[in-house]
Amino acid sequence: MPDVEGVMLQGESSWVALDKDRISYVLDWYENIQDPGPGLPMLPILALLIAGCIYFFGWIVIGAVAAIALVISVGTMIYDASH
């Protein structure tokens, strides 16, 4: 709505007001956090992989799993930054 300069929400004892630029920022932020990303919840899958590797293969595999976790984390950060 181009004619609106802002919005004010008022409760019984408090209120909050947002100007047009802040409303745009909040809506953009909300849209970005709703983006599902790559499609899989990577953190639980990664935790299960690490736990499984430790249980079945012992401490030798922890270095490889940590490297994979680092690659996934950095890749996710690069992916998020590019979108």
PDB file of N, CA and C in Angstrom:
ATOM      1  N   MET A   1       0.846  -1.175   0.000  1.00  0.00           N
ATOM      2  CA  MET A   1       0.000   0.000   0.000  1.00  0.00           C
ATOM      3  C   MET A   1       0.888   1.235   0.000  1.00  0.00           C
ATOM      4  N   PRO A   2       1.009   1.898  -1.102  1.00  0.00           N
ATOM      5  CA  PRO A   2       1.970   3.008  -1.220  1.00  0.00           C
ATOM      6  C   PRO A   2       1.642   4.225  -0.373  1.00  0.00           C
ATOM      7  N   ASP A   3       0.371   4.444  -0.001  1.00  0.00           N
ATOM      8  CA  ASP A   3       0.006   5.636   0.756  1.00  0.00           C
ATOM      9  C   ASP A   3       0.236   5.489   2.253  1.00  0.00           C
ATOM     10  N   VAL A   4       0.455   4.282   2.735  1.00  0.00           N
ATOM     11  CA  VAL A   4       0.633   4.057   4.169  1.00  0.00           C
ATOM     12  C   VAL A   4       2.067   4.396   4.563  1.00  0.00           C
ATOM     13  N   GLU A   5       2.247   5.194   5.575  1.00  0.00           N
ATOM     14  CA  GLU A   5       3.577   5.569   6.059  1.00  0.00           C
ATOM     15  C   GLU A   5       4.057   4.676   7.195  1.00  0.00           C
ATOM     16  N   GLY A   6       3.154   3.912   7.808  1.00  0.00           N
ATOM     17  CA  GLY A   6       3.518   3.038   8.897  1.00  0.00           C
ATOM     18  C   GLY A   6       2.285   2.401   9.493  1.00  0.00           C
ATOM     19  N   VAL A   7       2.490   1.673  10.587  1.00  0.00           N
ATOM     20  CA  VAL A   7       1.382   1.014  11.259  1.00  0.00           C
ATOM     21  C   VAL A   7       1.649   1.050  12.761  1.00  0.00           C
ATOM     22  N   MET A   8       0.571   1.153  13.537  1.00  0.00           N
ATOM     23  CA  MET A   8       0.702   1.143  14.985  1.00  0.00           C
ATOM     24  C   MET A   8      -0.234   0.069  15.533  1.00  0.00           C
ATOM     25  N   LEU A   9       0.314  -0.830  16.350  1.00  0.00           N
ATOM     26  CA  LEU A   9      -0.473  -1.854  17.017  1.00  0.00           C
ATOM     27  C   LEU A   9      -0.542  -1.484  18.488  1.00  0.00           C
ATOM     28  N   GLN A  10      -1.771  -1.440  19.015  1.00  0.00           N
ATOM     29  CA  GLN A  10      -1.936  -0.986  20.388  1.00  0.00           C
ATOM     30  C   GLN A  10      -2.689  -2.021  21.205  1.00  0.00           C
ATOM     31  N   GLY A  11      -2.139  -2.312  22.399  1.00  0.00           N
ATOM     32  CA  GLY A  11      -2.803  -3.167  23.359  1.00  0.00           C
ATOM     33  C   GLY A  11      -3.421  -2.315  24.451  1.00  0.00           C
ATOM     34  N   GLU A  12      -3.803  -2.953  25.548  1.00  0.00           N
ATOM     35  CA  GLU A  12      -4.419  -2.211  26.647  1.00  0.00           C
ATOM     36  C   GLU A  12      -3.426  -1.267  27.324  1.00  0.00           C
ATOM     37  N   SER A  13      -2.174  -1.712  27.455  1.00  0.00           N
ATOM     38  CA  SER A  13      -1.212  -0.865  28.169  1.00  0.00           C
ATOM     39  C   SER A  13       0.091  -0.653  27.408  1.00  0.00           C
ATOM     40  N   SER A  14       0.159  -1.102  26.170  1.00  0.00           N
ATOM     41  CA  SER A  14       1.398  -0.925  25.411  1.00  0.00           C
ATOM     42  C   SER A  14       1.068  -0.776  23.931  1.00  0.00           C
ATOM     43  N   TRP A  15       2.058  -0.332  23.175  1.00  0.00           N
ATOM     44  CA  TRP A  15       1.887  -0.189  21.741  1.00  0.00           C
ATOM     45  C   TRP A  15       3.239  -0.336  21.055  1.00  0.00           C
ATOM     46  N   VAL A  16       3.205  -0.630  19.773  1.00  0.00           N
ATOM     47  CA  VAL A  16       4.406  -0.667  18.949  1.00  0.00           C
ATOM     48  C   VAL A  16       4.050  -0.042  17.598  1.00  0.00           C
ATOM     49  N   ALA A  17       4.963   0.757  17.067  1.00  0.00           N
ATOM     50  CA  ALA A  17       4.749   1.416  15.787  1.00  0.00           C
ATOM     51  C   ALA A  17       5.910   1.078  14.865  1.00  0.00           C
ATOM     52  N   LEU A  18       5.606   0.828  13.606  1.00  0.00           N
ATOM     53  CA  LEU A  18       6.619   0.515  12.607  1.00  0.00           C
ATOM     54  C   LEU A  18       6.436   1.438  11.406  1.00  0.00           C
ATOM     55  N   ASP A  19       7.535   2.026  10.921  1.00  0.00           N
ATOM     56  CA  ASP A  19       7.440   2.830   9.712  1.00  0.00           C
ATOM     57  C   ASP A  19       7.460   1.925   8.484  1.00  0.00           C
ATOM     58  N   LYS A  20       7.235   2.502   7.312  1.00  0.00           N
ATOM     59  CA  LYS A  20       7.118   1.726   6.080  1.00  0.00           C
ATOM     60  C   LYS A  20       8.384   0.910   5.794  1.00  0.00           C
ATOM     61  N   ASP A  21       9.554   1.497   6.005  1.00  0.00           N
ATOM     62  CA  ASP A  21      10.806   0.775   5.747  1.00  0.00           C
ATOM     63  C   ASP A  21      10.973  -0.406   6.692  1.00  0.00           C
ATOM     64  N   ARG A  22      10.609  -0.231   7.966  1.00  0.00           N
ATOM     65  CA  ARG A  22      10.733  -1.315   8.943  1.00  0.00           C
ATOM     66  C   ARG A  22       9.753  -2.444   8.626  1.00  0.00           C
ATOM     67  N   ILE A  23       8.544  -2.101   8.165  1.00  0.00           N
ATOM     68  CA  ILE A  23       7.574  -3.125   7.785  1.00  0.00           C
ATOM     69  C   ILE A  23       8.126  -3.954   6.636  1.00  0.00           C
ATOM     70  N   SER A  24       8.713  -3.294   5.653  1.00  0.00           N
ATOM     71  CA  SER A  24       9.313  -4.003   4.516  1.00  0.00           C
ATOM     72  C   SER A  24      10.431  -4.924   4.992  1.00  0.00           C
ATOM     73  N   TYR A  25      11.266  -4.426   5.909  1.00  0.00           N
ATOM     74  CA  TYR A  25      12.358  -5.236   6.452  1.00  0.00           C
ATOM     75  C   TYR A  25      11.825  -6.469   7.183  1.00  0.00           C
ATOM     76  N   VAL A  26      10.803  -6.286   8.020  1.00  0.00           N
ATOM     77  CA  VAL A  26      10.233  -7.399   8.787  1.00  0.00           C
ATOM     78  C   VAL A  26       9.610  -8.428   7.850  1.00  0.00           C
ATOM     79  N   LEU A  27       8.882  -7.981   6.835  1.00  0.00           N
ATOM     80  CA  LEU A  27       8.271  -8.920   5.892  1.00  0.00           C
ATOM     81  C   LEU A  27       9.330  -9.691   5.109  1.00  0.00           C
ATOM     82  N   ASP A  28      10.400  -9.020   4.686  1.00  0.00           N
ATOM     83  CA  ASP A  28      11.494  -9.712   3.993  1.00  0.00           C
ATOM     84  C   ASP A  28      12.171 -10.712   4.913  1.00  0.00           C
ATOM     85  N   TRP A  29      12.416 -10.327   6.162  1.00  0.00           N
ATOM     86  CA  TRP A  29      13.033 -11.225   7.134  1.00  0.00           C
ATOM     87  C   TRP A  29      12.159 -12.451   7.357  1.00  0.00           C
ATOM     88  N   TYR A  30      10.843 -12.250   7.513  1.00  0.00           N
ATOM     89  CA  TYR A  30       9.923 -13.372   7.727  1.00  0.00           C
ATOM     90  C   TYR A  30       9.926 -14.309   6.535  1.00  0.00           C
ATOM     91  N   GLU A  31       9.955 -13.764   5.329  1.00  0.00           N
ATOM     92  CA  GLU A  31       9.984 -14.600   4.130  1.00  0.00           C
ATOM     93  C   GLU A  31      11.267 -15.424   4.084  1.00  0.00           C
ATOM     94  N   ASN A  32      12.390 -14.830   4.480  1.00  0.00           N
ATOM     95  CA  ASN A  32      13.664 -15.547   4.453  1.00  0.00           C
ATOM     96  C   ASN A  32      13.716 -16.678   5.469  1.00  0.00           C
ATOM     97  N   ILE A  33      13.129 -16.495   6.669  1.00  0.00           N
ATOM     98  CA  ILE A  33      13.197 -17.568   7.657  1.00  0.00           C
ATOM     99  C   ILE A  33      12.210 -18.680   7.343  1.00  0.00           C
ATOM    100  N   GLN A  34      11.232 -18.421   6.460  1.00  0.00           N
ATOM    101  CA  GLN A  34      10.285 -19.452   6.072  1.00  0.00           C
ATOM    102  C   GLN A  34      10.829 -20.330   4.949  1.00  0.00           C
ATOM    103  N   ASP A  35      11.923 -19.921   4.322  1.00  0.00           N
ATOM    104  CA  ASP A  35      12.530 -20.693   3.243  1.00  0.00           C
ATOM    105  C   ASP A  35      13.061 -22.005   3.800  1.00  0.00           C
ATOM    106  N   PRO A  36      12.635 -23.159   3.267  1.00  0.00           N
ATOM    107  CA  PRO A  36      13.072 -24.442   3.833  1.00  0.00           C
ATOM    108  C   PRO A  36      14.524 -24.786   3.569  1.00  0.00           C
ATOM    109  N   GLY A  37      15.215 -24.035   2.724  1.00  0.00           N
ATOM    110  CA  GLY A  37      16.619 -24.331   2.453  1.00  0.00           C
ATOM    111  C   GLY A  37      16.766 -25.559   1.577  1.00  0.00           C
ATOM    112  N   PRO A  38      17.760 -26.406   1.841  1.00  0.00           N
ATOM    113  CA  PRO A  38      18.019 -27.549   0.962  1.00  0.00           C
ATOM    114  C   PRO A  38      16.946 -28.632   1.009  1.00  0.00           C
ATOM    115  N   GLY A  39      16.048 -28.612   1.974  1.00  0.00           N
ATOM    116  CA  GLY A  39      14.951 -29.562   1.969  1.00  0.00           C
ATOM    117  C   GLY A  39      15.023 -30.621   3.044  1.00  0.00           C
ATOM    118  N   LEU A  40      16.166 -30.882   3.624  1.00  0.00           N
ATOM    119  CA  LEU A  40      16.301 -31.881   4.683  1.00  0.00           C
ATOM    120  C   LEU A  40      16.765 -31.210   5.961  1.00  0.00           C
ATOM    121  N   PRO A  41      16.264 -31.639   7.100  1.00  0.00           N
ATOM    122  CA  PRO A  41      16.780 -31.095   8.366  1.00  0.00           C
ATOM    123  C   PRO A  41      18.169 -31.669   8.634  1.00  0.00           C
ATOM    124  N   MET A  42      19.190 -30.939   8.285  1.00  0.00           N
ATOM    125  CA  MET A  42      20.554 -31.469   8.294  1.00  0.00           C
ATOM    126  C   MET A  42      21.087 -31.732   9.700  1.00  0.00           C
ATOM    127  N   LEU A  43      20.700 -30.930  10.678  1.00  0.00           N
ATOM    128  CA  LEU A  43      21.260 -31.099  12.015  1.00  0.00           C
ATOM    129  C   LEU A  43      20.910 -32.447  12.645  1.00  0.00           C
ATOM    130  N   PRO A  44      19.650 -32.890  12.645  1.00  0.00           N
ATOM    131  CA  PRO A  44      19.364 -34.211  13.214  1.00  0.00           C
ATOM    132  C   PRO A  44      20.018 -35.341  12.436  1.00  0.00           C
ATOM    133  N   ILE A  45      20.064 -35.233  11.125  1.00  0.00           N
ATOM    134  CA  ILE A  45      20.711 -36.272  10.316  1.00  0.00           C
ATOM    135  C   ILE A  45      22.192 -36.327  10.641  1.00  0.00           C
ATOM    136  N   LEU A  46      22.832 -35.179  10.755  1.00  0.00           N
ATOM    137  CA  LEU A  46      24.252 -35.132  11.083  1.00  0.00           C
ATOM    138  C   LEU A  46      24.517 -35.708  12.468  1.00  0.00           C
ATOM    139  N   ALA A  47      23.663 -35.391  13.443  1.00  0.00           N
ATOM    140  CA  ALA A  47      23.836 -35.928  14.798  1.00  0.00           C
ATOM    141  C   ALA A  47      23.716 -37.449  14.795  1.00  0.00           C
ATOM    142  N   LEU A  48      22.767 -37.988  14.054  1.00  0.00           N
ATOM    143  CA  LEU A  48      22.615 -39.443  13.969  1.00  0.00           C
ATOM    144  C   LEU A  48      23.812 -40.093  13.280  1.00  0.00           C
ATOM    145  N   LEU A  49      24.321 -39.450  12.248  1.00  0.00           N
ATOM    146  CA  LEU A  49      25.503 -39.990  11.562  1.00  0.00           C
ATOM    147  C   LEU A  49      26.710 -40.037  12.498  1.00  0.00           C
ATOM    148  N   ILE A  50      26.929 -38.979  13.241  1.00  0.00           N
ATOM    149  CA  ILE A  50      28.059 -38.939  14.166  1.00  0.00           C
ATOM    150  C   ILE A  50      27.894 -39.997  15.245  1.00  0.00           C
ATOM    151  N   ALA A  51      26.696 -40.081  15.829  1.00  0.00           N
ATOM    152  CA  ALA A  51      26.456 -41.078  16.876  1.00  0.00           C
ATOM    153  C   ALA A  51      26.638 -42.492  16.340  1.00  0.00           C
ATOM    154  N   GLY A  52      26.137 -42.746  15.156  1.00  0.00           N
ATOM    155  CA  GLY A  52      26.291 -44.076  14.557  1.00  0.00           C
ATOM    156  C   GLY A  52      27.738 -44.426  14.275  1.00  0.00           C
ATOM    157  N   CYS A  53      28.488 -43.474  13.751  1.00  0.00           N
ATOM    158  CA  CYS A  53      29.908 -43.724  13.464  1.00  0.00           C
ATOM    159  C   CYS A  53      30.686 -43.991  14.750  1.00  0.00           C
ATOM    160  N   ILE A  54      30.415 -43.242  15.797  1.00  0.00           N
ATOM    161  CA  ILE A  54      31.118 -43.471  17.062  1.00  0.00           C
ATOM    162  C   ILE A  54      30.751 -44.833  17.633  1.00  0.00           C
ATOM    163  N   TYR A  55      29.482 -45.187  17.576  1.00  0.00           N
ATOM    164  CA  TYR A  55      29.042 -46.457  18.144  1.00  0.00           C
ATOM    165  C   TYR A  55      29.619 -47.641  17.381  1.00  0.00           C
ATOM    166  N   PHE A  56      29.557 -47.591  16.064  1.00  0.00           N
ATOM    167  CA  PHE A  56      29.970 -48.746  15.265  1.00  0.00           C
ATOM    168  C   PHE A  56      31.463 -48.795  14.966  1.00  0.00           C
ATOM    169  N   PHE A  57      32.107 -47.658  14.805  1.00  0.00           N
ATOM    170  CA  PHE A  57      33.496 -47.656  14.354  1.00  0.00           C
ATOM    171  C   PHE A  57      34.486 -47.109  15.363  1.00  0.00           C
ATOM    172  N   GLY A  58      34.029 -46.572  16.443  1.00  0.00           N
ATOM    173  CA  GLY A  58      34.936 -46.058  17.460  1.00  0.00           C
ATOM    174  C   GLY A  58      35.455 -44.672  17.136  1.00  0.00           C
ATOM    175  N   TRP A  59      36.477 -44.267  17.872  1.00  0.00           N
ATOM    176  CA  TRP A  59      36.993 -42.902  17.791  1.00  0.00           C
ATOM    177  C   TRP A  59      37.799 -42.622  16.534  1.00  0.00           C
ATOM    178  N   ILE A  60      38.158 -43.625  15.780  1.00  0.00           N
ATOM    179  CA  ILE A  60      38.982 -43.415  14.578  1.00  0.00           C
ATOM    180  C   ILE A  60      38.234 -42.596  13.526  1.00  0.00           C
ATOM    181  N   VAL A  61      36.931 -42.779  13.462  1.00  0.00           N
ATOM    182  CA  VAL A  61      36.148 -42.151  12.409  1.00  0.00           C
ATOM    183  C   VAL A  61      35.753 -40.719  12.755  1.00  0.00           C
ATOM    184  N   ILE A  62      35.954 -40.304  13.989  1.00  0.00           N
ATOM    185  CA  ILE A  62      35.498 -38.973  14.406  1.00  0.00           C
ATOM    186  C   ILE A  62      36.140 -37.872  13.559  1.00  0.00           C
ATOM    187  N   GLY A  63      37.398 -38.018  13.213  1.00  0.00           N
ATOM    188  CA  GLY A  63      38.058 -37.012  12.372  1.00  0.00           C
ATOM    189  C   GLY A  63      37.381 -36.862  11.024  1.00  0.00           C
ATOM    190  N   ALA A  64      37.038 -37.985  10.397  1.00  0.00           N
ATOM    191  CA  ALA A  64      36.357 -37.924   9.097  1.00  0.00           C
ATOM    192  C   ALA A  64      34.965 -37.319   9.235  1.00  0.00           C
ATOM    193  N   VAL A  65      34.256 -37.690  10.290  1.00  0.00           N
ATOM    194  CA  VAL A  65      32.905 -37.157  10.498  1.00  0.00           C
ATOM    195  C   VAL A  65      32.970 -35.654  10.771  1.00  0.00           C
ATOM    196  N   ALA A  66      33.950 -35.234  11.556  1.00  0.00           N
ATOM    197  CA  ALA A  66      34.099 -33.806  11.825  1.00  0.00           C
ATOM    198  C   ALA A  66      34.388 -33.042  10.535  1.00  0.00           C
ATOM    199  N   ALA A  67      35.192 -33.617   9.659  1.00  0.00           N
ATOM    200  CA  ALA A  67      35.488 -32.969   8.376  1.00  0.00           C
ATOM    201  C   ALA A  67      34.231 -32.864   7.519  1.00  0.00           C
ATOM    202  N   ILE A  68      33.433 -33.915   7.498  1.00  0.00           N
ATOM    203  CA  ILE A  68      32.177 -33.887   6.737  1.00  0.00           C
ATOM    204  C   ILE A  68      31.233 -32.837   7.317  1.00  0.00           C
ATOM    205  N   ALA A  69      31.160 -32.778   8.650  1.00  0.00           N
ATOM    206  CA  ALA A  69      30.298 -31.784   9.299  1.00  0.00           C
ATOM    207  C   ALA A  69      30.744 -30.371   8.934  1.00  0.00           C
ATOM    208  N   LEU A  70      32.045 -30.141   8.918  1.00  0.00           N
ATOM    209  CA  LEU A  70      32.568 -28.833   8.559  1.00  0.00           C
ATOM    210  C   LEU A  70      32.219 -28.473   7.119  1.00  0.00           C
ATOM    211  N   VAL A  71      32.375 -29.435   6.219  1.00  0.00           N
ATOM    212  CA  VAL A  71      32.055 -29.188   4.812  1.00  0.00           C
ATOM    213  C   VAL A  71      30.570 -28.887   4.644  1.00  0.00           C
ATOM    214  N   ILE A  72      29.716 -29.644   5.337  1.00  0.00           N
ATOM    215  CA  ILE A  72      28.274 -29.403   5.244  1.00  0.00           C
ATOM    216  C   ILE A  72      27.927 -28.024   5.805  1.00  0.00           C
ATOM    217  N   SER A  73      28.526 -27.662   6.928  1.00  0.00           N
ATOM    218  CA  SER A  73      28.242 -26.371   7.542  1.00  0.00           C
ATOM    219  C   SER A  73      28.676 -25.224   6.646  1.00  0.00           C
ATOM    220  N   VAL A  74      29.890 -25.292   6.130  1.00  0.00           N
ATOM    221  CA  VAL A  74      30.388 -24.229   5.262  1.00  0.00           C
ATOM    222  C   VAL A  74      29.566 -24.179   3.976  1.00  0.00           C
ATOM    223  N   GLY A  75      29.238 -25.342   3.430  1.00  0.00           N
ATOM    224  CA  GLY A  75      28.409 -25.374   2.220  1.00  0.00           C
ATOM    225  C   GLY A  75      27.044 -24.762   2.453  1.00  0.00           C
ATOM    226  N   THR A  76      26.458 -25.037   3.610  1.00  0.00           N
ATOM    227  CA  THR A  76      25.152 -24.463   3.932  1.00  0.00           C
ATOM    228  C   THR A  76      25.255 -22.952   4.078  1.00  0.00           C
ATOM    229  N   MET A  77      26.324 -22.459   4.734  1.00  0.00           N
ATOM    230  CA  MET A  77      26.489 -21.023   4.882  1.00  0.00           C
ATOM    231  C   MET A  77      26.659 -20.344   3.521  1.00  0.00           C
ATOM    232  N   ILE A  78      27.430 -20.968   2.626  1.00  0.00           N
ATOM    233  CA  ILE A  78      27.618 -20.406   1.281  1.00  0.00           C
ATOM    234  C   ILE A  78      26.304 -20.416   0.523  1.00  0.00           C
ATOM    235  N   TYR A  79      25.546 -21.527   0.653  1.00  0.00           N
ATOM    236  CA  TYR A  79      24.249 -21.619  -0.008  1.00  0.00           C
ATOM    237  C   TYR A  79      23.302 -20.552   0.493  1.00  0.00           C
ATOM    238  N   ASP A  80      23.238 -20.376   1.819  1.00  0.00           N
ATOM    239  CA  ASP A  80      22.337 -19.379   2.413  1.00  0.00           C
ATOM    240  C   ASP A  80      22.734 -17.970   1.999  1.00  0.00           C
ATOM    241  N   ALA A  81      24.034 -17.694   1.945  1.00  0.00           N
ATOM    242  CA  ALA A  81      24.497 -16.361   1.599  1.00  0.00           C
ATOM    243  C   ALA A  81      24.199 -16.018   0.140  1.00  0.00           C
ATOM    244  N   SER A  82      24.153 -17.023  -0.720  1.00  0.00           N
ATOM    245  CA  SER A  82      23.934 -16.762  -2.133  1.00  0.00           C
ATOM    246  C   SER A  82      22.458 -16.588  -2.475  1.00  0.00           C
ATOM    247  N   HIS A  83      21.569 -16.896  -1.546  1.00  0.00           N
ATOM    248  CA  HIS A  83      20.130 -16.767  -1.836  1.00  0.00           C
ATOM    249  C   HIS A  83      19.510 -15.681  -1.019  1.00  0.00           C
TER     250      HIS A  83
END
